[in-house]
PDB file of N, CA and C in Angstrom:
ATOM      1  N   MET A   1       6.664 -30.974  -8.693  1.00  0.00           N
ATOM      2  CA  MET A   1       6.473 -29.675  -7.959  1.00  0.00           C
ATOM      3  C   MET A   1       8.044 -28.818  -8.898  1.00  0.00           C
ATOM      4  N   ARG A   2       7.817 -27.743 -10.032  1.00  0.00           N
ATOM      5  CA  ARG A   2       8.705 -26.975 -10.096  1.00  0.00           C
ATOM      6  C   ARG A   2       9.901 -26.474  -9.012  1.00  0.00           C
ATOM      7  N   ASP A   3      10.995 -25.981  -9.251  1.00  0.00           N
ATOM      8  CA  ASP A   3      12.079 -25.369  -8.604  1.00  0.00           C
ATOM      9  C   ASP A   3      11.881 -23.845  -8.998  1.00  0.00           C
ATOM     10  N   TYR A   4      11.420 -23.424  -8.264  1.00  0.00           N
ATOM     11  CA  TYR A   4      11.350 -21.845  -8.315  1.00  0.00           C
ATOM     12  C   TYR A   4      12.464 -21.062  -8.514  1.00  0.00           C
ATOM     13  N   GLN A   5      13.816 -21.726  -7.669  1.00  0.00           N
ATOM     14  CA  GLN A   5      14.926 -21.315  -7.742  1.00  0.00           C
ATOM     15  C   GLN A   5      15.821 -21.263  -8.576  1.00  0.00           C
ATOM     16  N   ASN A   6      15.270 -22.249  -9.210  1.00  0.00           N
ATOM     17  CA  ASN A   6      16.276 -22.436 -10.380  1.00  0.00           C
ATOM     18  C   ASN A   6      16.966 -21.742 -11.284  1.00  0.00           C
ATOM     19  N   PRO A   7      18.157 -21.026 -11.417  1.00  0.00           N
ATOM     20  CA  PRO A   7      18.414 -19.979 -12.169  1.00  0.00           C
ATOM     21  C   PRO A   7      18.406 -20.174 -13.491  1.00  0.00           C
ATOM     22  N   LYS A   8      18.167 -21.670 -14.126  1.00  0.00           N
ATOM     23  CA  LYS A   8      17.581 -22.059 -15.136  1.00  0.00           C
ATOM     24  C   LYS A   8      15.936 -21.167 -15.950  1.00  0.00           C
ATOM     25  N   MET A   9      15.538 -20.951 -15.396  1.00  0.00           N
ATOM     26  CA  MET A   9      14.326 -20.509 -15.370  1.00  0.00           C
ATOM     27  C   MET A   9      14.439 -18.754 -16.316  1.00  0.00           C
ATOM     28  N   THR A  10      13.754 -18.293 -16.786  1.00  0.00           N
ATOM     29  CA  THR A  10      13.560 -16.998 -17.260  1.00  0.00           C
ATOM     30  C   THR A  10      13.667 -16.100 -16.618  1.00  0.00           C
ATOM     31  N   ALA A  11      13.215 -16.196 -15.212  1.00  0.00           N
ATOM     32  CA  ALA A  11      12.692 -15.134 -14.294  1.00  0.00           C
ATOM     33  C   ALA A  11      12.544 -15.654 -12.725  1.00  0.00           C
ATOM     34  N   PRO A  12      13.878 -16.051 -12.333  1.00  0.00           N
ATOM     35  CA  PRO A  12      14.118 -16.597 -10.920  1.00  0.00           C
ATOM     36  C   PRO A  12      12.676 -15.992 -10.026  1.00  0.00           C
ATOM     37  N   LEU A  13      11.906 -16.692  -9.602  1.00  0.00           N
ATOM     38  CA  LEU A  13      11.151 -16.194  -8.598  1.00  0.00           C
ATOM     39  C   LEU A  13      12.438 -15.916  -7.199  1.00  0.00           C
ATOM     40  N   ASP A  14      11.426 -14.890  -6.310  1.00  0.00           N
ATOM     41  CA  ASP A  14      12.092 -14.563  -5.040  1.00  0.00           C
ATOM     42  C   ASP A  14      11.372 -15.762  -4.107  1.00  0.00           C
ATOM     43  N   PRO A  15      11.912 -15.661  -2.913  1.00  0.00           N
ATOM     44  CA  PRO A  15      11.268 -16.684  -1.997  1.00  0.00           C
ATOM     45  C   PRO A  15      10.286 -16.552  -1.197  1.00  0.00           C
ATOM     46  N   GLU A  16       9.250 -15.201  -1.597  1.00  0.00           N
ATOM     47  CA  GLU A  16       8.021 -15.448  -1.061  1.00  0.00           C
ATOM     48  C   GLU A  16       7.053 -15.570  -2.666  1.00  0.00           C
ATOM     49  N   GLU A  17       7.609 -15.380  -3.833  1.00  0.00           N
ATOM     50  CA  GLU A  17       6.709 -15.761  -5.071  1.00  0.00           C
ATOM     51  C   GLU A  17       6.404 -17.728  -5.046  1.00  0.00           C
ATOM     52  N   ALA A  18       8.208 -18.018  -4.542  1.00  0.00           N
ATOM     53  CA  ALA A  18       7.979 -19.230  -4.794  1.00  0.00           C
ATOM     54  C   ALA A  18       7.643 -19.806  -3.743  1.00  0.00           C
ATOM     55  N   GLU A  19       7.093 -18.831  -2.516  1.00  0.00           N
ATOM     56  CA  GLU A  19       6.195 -20.119  -1.688  1.00  0.00           C
ATOM     57  C   GLU A  19       4.842 -20.142  -2.099  1.00  0.00           C
ATOM     58  N   LEU A  20       4.667 -18.531  -2.816  1.00  0.00           N
ATOM     59  CA  LEU A  20       2.956 -18.427  -3.303  1.00  0.00           C
ATOM     60  C   LEU A  20       3.073 -19.500  -4.179  1.00  0.00           C
ATOM     61  N   MET A  21       3.758 -20.153  -5.009  1.00  0.00           N
ATOM     62  CA  MET A  21       3.469 -20.725  -6.468  1.00  0.00           C
ATOM     63  C   MET A  21       3.738 -22.160  -5.799  1.00  0.00           C
ATOM     64  N   GLY A  22       4.272 -22.607  -4.916  1.00  0.00           N
ATOM     65  CA  GLY A  22       4.458 -24.019  -4.298  1.00  0.00           C
ATOM     66  C   GLY A  22       3.139 -23.883  -3.446  1.00  0.00           C
ATOM     67  N   GLU A  23       2.457 -22.676  -2.755  1.00  0.00           N
ATOM     68  CA  GLU A  23       0.812 -23.087  -2.460  1.00  0.00           C
ATOM     69  C   GLU A  23      -0.513 -23.260  -3.029  1.00  0.00           C
ATOM     70  N   LEU A  24      -0.345 -22.331  -4.637  1.00  0.00           N
ATOM     71  CA  LEU A  24      -0.808 -23.067  -5.489  1.00  0.00           C
ATOM     72  C   LEU A  24      -0.701 -24.350  -6.221  1.00  0.00           C
ATOM     73  N   GLU A  25       0.322 -24.818  -6.678  1.00  0.00           N
ATOM     74  CA  GLU A  25       0.047 -26.625  -6.395  1.00  0.00           C
ATOM     75  C   GLU A  25      -0.050 -27.222  -6.212  1.00  0.00           C
ATOM     76  N   ARG A  26       0.213 -27.369  -4.720  1.00  0.00           N
ATOM     77  CA  ARG A  26      -0.265 -27.869  -3.568  1.00  0.00           C
ATOM     78  C   ARG A  26      -2.236 -28.206  -3.450  1.00  0.00           C
ATOM     79  N   GLY A  27      -2.567 -27.038  -4.384  1.00  0.00           N
ATOM     80  CA  GLY A  27      -4.149 -26.356  -3.929  1.00  0.00           C
ATOM     81  C   GLY A  27      -4.560 -26.048  -2.612  1.00  0.00           C
ATOM     82  N   GLU A  28      -3.629 -25.341  -1.958  1.00  0.00           N
ATOM     83  CA  GLU A  28      -3.527 -24.462  -0.588  1.00  0.00           C
ATOM     84  C   GLU A  28      -4.711 -23.262  -0.876  1.00  0.00           C
ATOM     85  N   TRP A  29      -4.775 -23.206  -1.874  1.00  0.00           N
ATOM     86  CA  TRP A  29      -5.703 -21.965  -2.384  1.00  0.00           C
ATOM     87  C   TRP A  29      -7.023 -22.431  -2.945  1.00  0.00           C
ATOM     88  N   VAL A  30      -8.446 -21.259  -2.397  1.00  0.00           N
ATOM     89  CA  VAL A  30      -8.959 -21.282  -3.032  1.00  0.00           C
ATOM     90  C   VAL A  30      -9.805 -20.674  -3.808  1.00  0.00           C
ATOM     91  N   ALA A  31     -10.652 -20.753  -4.636  1.00  0.00           N
ATOM     92  CA  ALA A  31     -11.500 -19.123  -5.571  1.00  0.00           C
ATOM     93  C   ALA A  31     -12.439 -19.290  -4.365  1.00  0.00           C
ATOM     94  N   LEU A  32     -12.432 -17.376  -4.268  1.00  0.00           N
ATOM     95  CA  LEU A  32     -13.850 -17.250  -4.321  1.00  0.00           C
ATOM     96  C   LEU A  32     -14.919 -17.183  -3.930  1.00  0.00           C
ATOM     97  N   PRO A  33     -16.607 -17.607  -4.101  1.00  0.00           N
ATOM     98  CA  PRO A  33     -17.788 -17.717  -4.508  1.00  0.00           C
ATOM     99  C   PRO A  33     -17.745 -16.307  -5.320  1.00  0.00           C
ATOM    100  N   PRO A  34     -18.190 -16.466  -6.328  1.00  0.00           N
ATOM    101  CA  PRO A  34     -18.606 -15.452  -6.995  1.00  0.00           C
ATOM    102  C   PRO A  34     -18.872 -14.054  -6.560  1.00  0.00           C
ATOM    103  N   GLU A  35     -20.193 -14.148  -5.673  1.00  0.00           N
ATOM    104  CA  GLU A  35     -20.492 -12.662  -5.066  1.00  0.00           C
ATOM    105  C   GLU A  35     -19.527 -12.081  -3.930  1.00  0.00           C
ATOM    106  N   LEU A  36     -18.590 -13.296  -3.603  1.00  0.00           N
ATOM    107  CA  LEU A  36     -17.815 -12.676  -2.705  1.00  0.00           C
ATOM    108  C   LEU A  36     -16.873 -12.137  -3.168  1.00  0.00           C
ATOM    109  N   PHE A  37     -16.168 -12.787  -4.603  1.00  0.00           N
ATOM    110  CA  PHE A  37     -15.440 -12.290  -5.454  1.00  0.00           C
ATOM    111  C   PHE A  37     -15.260 -10.911  -5.776  1.00  0.00           C
ATOM    112  N   LYS A  38     -16.624 -10.570  -6.329  1.00  0.00           N
ATOM    113  CA  LYS A  38     -17.130  -9.585  -6.907  1.00  0.00           C
ATOM    114  C   LYS A  38     -16.902  -8.237  -5.803  1.00  0.00           C
ATOM    115  N   GLN A  39     -17.442  -8.590  -4.240  1.00  0.00           N
ATOM    116  CA  GLN A  39     -17.402  -7.651  -3.275  1.00  0.00           C
ATOM    117  C   GLN A  39     -15.752  -7.162  -3.014  1.00  0.00           C
ATOM    118  N   ARG A  40     -15.211  -7.821  -3.036  1.00  0.00           N
ATOM    119  CA  ARG A  40     -13.806  -7.827  -2.594  1.00  0.00           C
ATOM    120  C   ARG A  40     -12.930  -7.143  -3.836  1.00  0.00           C
ATOM    121  N   LYS A  41     -13.260  -7.622  -5.267  1.00  0.00           N
ATOM    122  CA  LYS A  41     -12.518  -6.567  -6.141  1.00  0.00           C
ATOM    123  C   LYS A  41     -13.046  -5.362  -6.168  1.00  0.00           C
ATOM    124  N   VAL A  42     -14.181  -5.057  -5.505  1.00  0.00           N
ATOM    125  CA  VAL A  42     -14.851  -3.830  -5.487  1.00  0.00           C
ATOM    126  C   VAL A  42     -13.885  -2.677  -4.462  1.00  0.00           C
ATOM    127  N   GLU A  43     -13.706  -3.444  -3.320  1.00  0.00           N
ATOM    128  CA  GLU A  43     -13.171  -2.770  -2.277  1.00  0.00           C
ATOM    129  C   GLU A  43     -11.484  -2.956  -2.708  1.00  0.00           C
ATOM    130  N   LEU A  44     -10.852  -3.845  -3.172  1.00  0.00           N
ATOM    131  CA  LEU A  44      -9.543  -3.689  -3.818  1.00  0.00           C
ATOM    132  C   LEU A  44      -9.483  -2.425  -4.698  1.00  0.00           C
ATOM    133  N   GLU A  45     -10.552  -2.421  -5.504  1.00  0.00           N
ATOM    134  CA  GLU A  45     -10.498  -1.452  -6.425  1.00  0.00           C
ATOM    135  C   GLU A  45     -10.784   0.306  -6.366  1.00  0.00           C
ATOM    136  N   LYS A  46     -11.406   0.555  -4.840  1.00  0.00           N
ATOM    137  CA  LYS A  46     -11.759   1.570  -4.037  1.00  0.00           C
ATOM    138  C   LYS A  46     -10.059   1.919  -3.468  1.00  0.00           C
ATOM    139  N   ALA A  47      -9.719   0.902  -3.232  1.00  0.00           N
ATOM    140  CA  ALA A  47      -8.511   1.088  -1.690  1.00  0.00           C
ATOM    141  C   ALA A  47      -7.368   1.594  -2.936  1.00  0.00           C
ATOM    142  N   ALA A  48      -7.254   0.841  -3.803  1.00  0.00           N
ATOM    143  CA  ALA A  48      -6.377   1.153  -4.877  1.00  0.00           C
ATOM    144  C   ALA A  48      -6.516   2.756  -5.373  1.00  0.00           C
ATOM    145  N   ARG A  49      -8.038   2.808  -6.241  1.00  0.00           N
ATOM    146  CA  ARG A  49      -7.494   4.690  -6.383  1.00  0.00           C
ATOM    147  C   ARG A  49      -7.611   5.702  -4.961  1.00  0.00           C
ATOM    148  N   GLU A  50      -7.665   5.411  -3.944  1.00  0.00           N
ATOM    149  CA  GLU A  50      -7.592   6.005  -3.042  1.00  0.00           C
ATOM    150  C   GLU A  50      -6.140   6.559  -2.902  1.00  0.00           C
ATOM    151  N   THR A  51      -5.526   5.245  -3.120  1.00  0.00           N
ATOM    152  CA  THR A  51      -4.109   4.656  -2.449  1.00  0.00           C
ATOM    153  C   THR A  51      -3.258   5.722  -3.615  1.00  0.00           C
ATOM    154  N   LEU A  52      -3.782   5.643  -4.879  1.00  0.00           N
ATOM    155  CA  LEU A  52      -2.953   6.618  -6.111  1.00  0.00           C
ATOM    156  C   LEU A  52      -4.008   8.481  -6.372  1.00  0.00           C
ATOM    157  N   LYS A  53      -4.588   8.373  -5.395  1.00  0.00           N
ATOM    158  CA  LYS A  53      -4.957  10.197  -5.271  1.00  0.00           C
ATOM    159  C   LYS A  53      -3.761  10.593  -4.295  1.00  0.00           C
ATOM    160  N   LYS A  54      -3.350  12.074  -5.070  1.00  0.00           N
ATOM    161  CA  LYS A  54      -2.575  12.894  -4.517  1.00  0.00           C
ATOM    162  C   LYS A  54      -2.932  14.381  -4.596  1.00  0.00           C
ATOM    163  N   THR A  55      -3.834  14.451  -3.697  1.00  0.00           N
ATOM    164  CA  THR A  55      -4.446  15.655  -3.446  1.00  0.00           C
ATOM    165  C   THR A  55      -3.740  16.565  -2.835  1.00  0.00           C
ATOM    166  N   GLU A  56      -3.151  16.728  -1.784  1.00  0.00           N
ATOM    167  CA  GLU A  56      -2.471  17.253  -1.091  1.00  0.00           C
ATOM    168  C   GLU A  56      -0.823  17.438  -1.086  1.00  0.00           C
ATOM    169  N   ARG A  57      -0.243  18.433  -0.585  1.00  0.00           N
ATOM    170  CA  ARG A  57       1.776  18.263  -0.380  1.00  0.00           C
ATOM    171  C   ARG A  57       1.927  18.948   0.581  1.00  0.00           C
ATOM    172  N   ALA A  58       2.662  18.084   1.254  1.00  0.00           N
ATOM    173  CA  ALA A  58       3.333  18.371   2.489  1.00  0.00           C
ATOM    174  C   ALA A  58       5.216  19.019   2.277  1.00  0.00           C
ATOM    175  N   THR A  59       5.590  19.709   3.102  1.00  0.00           N
ATOM    176  CA  THR A  59       6.521  19.660   3.610  1.00  0.00           C
ATOM    177  C   THR A  59       7.192  19.434   4.866  1.00  0.00           C
ATOM    178  N   ILE A  60       8.303  18.587   4.751  1.00  0.00           N
ATOM    179  CA  ILE A  60       8.817  18.547   6.463  1.00  0.00           C
ATOM    180  C   ILE A  60      10.120  18.716   6.551  1.00  0.00           C
ATOM    181  N   ARG A  61      10.811  19.351   7.530  1.00  0.00           N
ATOM    182  CA  ARG A  61      12.269  19.025   7.536  1.00  0.00           C
ATOM    183  C   ARG A  61      12.500  17.616   8.647  1.00  0.00           C
ATOM    184  N   LEU A  62      13.413  17.046   8.019  1.00  0.00           N
ATOM    185  CA  LEU A  62      13.806  16.052   8.872  1.00  0.00           C
ATOM    186  C   LEU A  62      15.671  16.018   8.620  1.00  0.00           C
ATOM    187  N   SER A  63      15.950  15.487   9.714  1.00  0.00           N
ATOM    188  CA  SER A  63      17.386  15.281   9.979  1.00  0.00           C
ATOM    189  C   SER A  63      18.119  14.383   9.387  1.00  0.00           C
ATOM    190  N   LYS A  64      19.334  15.238   8.665  1.00  0.00           N
ATOM    191  CA  LYS A  64      20.516  14.827   7.800  1.00  0.00           C
ATOM    192  C   LYS A  64      20.214  12.832   7.927  1.00  0.00           C
ATOM    193  N   ALA A  65      20.543  12.715   8.864  1.00  0.00           N
ATOM    194  CA  ALA A  65      20.572  11.185   9.606  1.00  0.00           C
ATOM    195  C   ALA A  65      19.223  10.283   9.253  1.00  0.00           C
ATOM    196  N   ASP A  66      18.267  10.916  10.139  1.00  0.00           N
ATOM    197  CA  ASP A  66      16.988  10.261   9.536  1.00  0.00           C
ATOM    198  C   ASP A  66      16.787   9.867   7.930  1.00  0.00           C
ATOM    199  N   LEU A  67      17.060  11.222   7.275  1.00  0.00           N
ATOM    200  CA  LEU A  67      16.753  11.060   5.939  1.00  0.00           C
ATOM    201  C   LEU A  67      17.883  10.129   5.096  1.00  0.00           C
ATOM    202  N   GLU A  68      19.040   9.976   5.481  1.00  0.00           N
ATOM    203  CA  GLU A  68      19.618   8.818   5.065  1.00  0.00           C
ATOM    204  C   GLU A  68      19.357   7.804   5.513  1.00  0.00           C
ATOM    205  N   GLY A  69      18.849   7.755   6.746  1.00  0.00           N
ATOM    206  CA  GLY A  69      18.740   5.665   7.185  1.00  0.00           C
ATOM    207  C   GLY A  69      17.080   5.794   6.430  1.00  0.00           C
ATOM    208  N   LEU A  70      16.323   6.381   5.602  1.00  0.00           N
ATOM    209  CA  LEU A  70      14.904   6.372   5.100  1.00  0.00           C
ATOM    210  C   LEU A  70      15.630   5.670   3.956  1.00  0.00           C
ATOM    211  N   LYS A  71      16.343   6.767   3.339  1.00  0.00           N
ATOM    212  CA  LYS A  71      16.842   6.608   1.640  1.00  0.00           C
ATOM    213  C   LYS A  71      17.307   4.893   2.241  1.00  0.00           C
ATOM    214  N   LEU A  72      18.539   4.968   2.774  1.00  0.00           N
ATOM    215  CA  LEU A  72      19.129   3.338   3.445  1.00  0.00           C
ATOM    216  C   LEU A  72      18.052   1.881   3.041  1.00  0.00           C
ATOM    217  N   ILE A  73      17.099   2.194   3.913  1.00  0.00           N
ATOM    218  CA  ILE A  73      15.795   1.230   4.037  1.00  0.00           C
ATOM    219  C   ILE A  73      14.863   1.563   2.531  1.00  0.00           C
ATOM    220  N   ALA A  74      14.608   2.752   1.919  1.00  0.00           N
ATOM    221  CA  ALA A  74      13.825   2.260   0.516  1.00  0.00           C
ATOM    222  C   ALA A  74      14.721   1.820  -0.346  1.00  0.00           C
ATOM    223  N   ALA A  75      16.065   1.834  -0.431  1.00  0.00           N
ATOM    224  CA  ALA A  75      16.435   0.979  -1.530  1.00  0.00           C
ATOM    225  C   ALA A  75      17.035  -0.448  -1.432  1.00  0.00           C
ATOM    226  N   LYS A  76      17.169  -1.027   0.140  1.00  0.00           N
ATOM    227  CA  LYS A  76      16.673  -2.336   0.345  1.00  0.00           C
ATOM    228  C   LYS A  76      15.863  -2.455  -0.140  1.00  0.00           C
ATOM    229  N   GLU A  77      14.058  -1.767  -0.306  1.00  0.00           N
ATOM    230  CA  GLU A  77      13.214  -1.947  -0.290  1.00  0.00           C
ATOM    231  C   GLU A  77      12.834  -2.291  -1.441  1.00  0.00           C
ATOM    232  N   GLY A  78      13.701  -1.469  -2.680  1.00  0.00           N
ATOM    233  CA  GLY A  78      13.327  -1.264  -3.860  1.00  0.00           C
ATOM    234  C   GLY A  78      11.921  -0.158  -4.259  1.00  0.00           C
ATOM    235  N   VAL A  79      12.100   0.566  -3.296  1.00  0.00           N
ATOM    236  CA  VAL A  79      11.289   2.146  -3.100  1.00  0.00           C
ATOM    237  C   VAL A  79      11.604   3.357  -3.284  1.00  0.00           C
ATOM    238  N   GLY A  80      11.284   4.147  -3.553  1.00  0.00           N
ATOM    239  CA  GLY A  80      11.897   5.821  -3.724  1.00  0.00           C
ATOM    240  C   GLY A  80      11.768   5.825  -2.186  1.00  0.00           C
ATOM    241  N   TYR A  81      12.505   6.946  -1.737  1.00  0.00           N
ATOM    242  CA  TYR A  81      12.220   6.724  -0.424  1.00  0.00           C
ATOM    243  C   TYR A  81      10.817   8.131  -0.214  1.00  0.00           C
ATOM    244  N   GLN A  82      10.992   8.497  -1.260  1.00  0.00           N
ATOM    245  CA  GLN A  82       9.601   9.178  -0.763  1.00  0.00           C
ATOM    246  C   GLN A  82       7.770   8.764  -0.502  1.00  0.00           C
ATOM    247  N   THR A  83       8.431   7.700  -1.460  1.00  0.00           N
ATOM    248  CA  THR A  83       7.295   6.487  -1.710  1.00  0.00           C
ATOM    249  C   THR A  83       7.636   5.734  -0.099  1.00  0.00           C
ATOM    250  N   LEU A  84       8.067   5.317   0.547  1.00  0.00           N
ATOM    251  CA  LEU A  84       8.822   5.256   1.445  1.00  0.00           C
ATOM    252  C   LEU A  84       7.822   5.760   2.543  1.00  0.00           C
ATOM    253  N   ILE A  85       8.146   6.731   2.985  1.00  0.00           N
ATOM    254  CA  ILE A  85       7.882   7.930   3.918  1.00  0.00           C
ATOM    255  C   ILE A  85       6.137   7.967   3.595  1.00  0.00           C
ATOM    256  N   ASN A  86       5.661   8.081   2.498  1.00  0.00           N
ATOM    257  CA  ASN A  86       4.465   8.155   2.270  1.00  0.00           C
ATOM    258  C   ASN A  86       3.783   6.699   2.816  1.00  0.00           C
ATOM    259  N   SER A  87       4.222   5.692   2.602  1.00  0.00           N
ATOM    260  CA  SER A  87       3.437   4.517   3.549  1.00  0.00           C
ATOM    261  C   SER A  87       3.949   4.311   4.627  1.00  0.00           C
ATOM    262  N   ILE A  88       5.027   4.950   5.156  1.00  0.00           N
ATOM    263  CA  ILE A  88       5.207   4.498   6.792  1.00  0.00           C
ATOM    264  C   ILE A  88       3.519   5.827   7.379  1.00  0.00           C
ATOM    265  N   LEU A  89       3.470   6.624   6.600  1.00  0.00           N
ATOM    266  CA  LEU A  89       2.893   7.550   7.247  1.00  0.00           C
ATOM    267  C   LEU A  89       0.894   7.374   7.228  1.00  0.00           C
ATOM    268  N   HIS A  90       0.585   6.557   5.997  1.00  0.00           N
ATOM    269  CA  HIS A  90      -0.429   6.130   5.437  1.00  0.00           C
ATOM    270  C   HIS A  90      -0.669   4.775   6.689  1.00  0.00           C
ATOM    271  N   LYS A  91      -0.030   4.407   6.747  1.00  0.00           N
ATOM    272  CA  LYS A  91       0.048   3.111   8.073  1.00  0.00           C
ATOM    273  C   LYS A  91      -0.319   3.568   8.938  1.00  0.00           C
ATOM    274  N   THR A  92       0.736   4.350   9.450  1.00  0.00           N
ATOM    275  CA  THR A  92       0.299   4.838  10.905  1.00  0.00           C
ATOM    276  C   THR A  92      -1.347   5.502  10.706  1.00  0.00           C
ATOM    277  N   VAL A  93      -1.619   6.592  10.207  1.00  0.00           N
ATOM    278  CA  VAL A  93      -3.168   7.030   9.888  1.00  0.00           C
ATOM    279  C   VAL A  93      -4.020   6.022   9.987  1.00  0.00           C
ATOM    280  N   THR A  94      -3.811   5.071   8.753  1.00  0.00           N
ATOM    281  CA  THR A  94      -4.813   4.173   9.133  1.00  0.00           C
ATOM    282  C   THR A  94      -4.586   3.444  10.168  1.00  0.00           C
ATOM    283  N   GLY A  95      -3.816   3.715  11.086  1.00  0.00           N
ATOM    284  CA  GLY A  95      -4.116   2.153  12.493  1.00  0.00           C
ATOM    285  C   GLY A  95      -3.641   0.839  12.282  1.00  0.00           C
ATOM    286  N   GLN A  96      -2.383   0.928  10.628  1.00  0.00           N
ATOM    287  CA  GLN A  96      -1.703  -0.373  10.592  1.00  0.00           C
ATOM    288  C   GLN A  96      -0.423  -0.636  11.911  1.00  0.00           C
ATOM    289  N   VAL A  97      -0.001   0.903  11.734  1.00  0.00           N
ATOM    290  CA  VAL A  97       1.014   0.625  12.463  1.00  0.00           C
ATOM    291  C   VAL A  97       0.567   1.653  13.801  1.00  0.00           C
ATOM    292  N   LYS A  98       1.063   1.006  14.831  1.00  0.00           N
ATOM    293  CA  LYS A  98       0.814   1.542  16.585  1.00  0.00           C
ATOM    294  C   LYS A  98       2.017   2.939  16.481  1.00  0.00           C
ATOM    295  N   LEU A  99       1.722   3.821  17.223  1.00  0.00           N
ATOM    296  CA  LEU A  99       2.858   4.528  18.062  1.00  0.00           C
ATOM    297  C   LEU A  99       2.784   4.488  19.412  1.00  0.00           C
TER     298      LEU A  99
END
């Protein structure tokens, strides 16, 4: 088994990527049957298109402290703060996050 955290690799993997690669090498992942794969691919493509749609613009007022906090979280996650805000709102609206 490869050491995916080895700094001599051309692109070391983060811990999550290394875990996934280890699972693949151990045979813990199996391919979907072709009919299920096609169905899942259609679902994911639709979700991607819906996610990329930018049809409305909204303006909100936030406290300076909240905005700075969002910017810090976004920087730690490696995304823009507006992307983070959009993701939080989307997850809330779709029921992935409960209030």
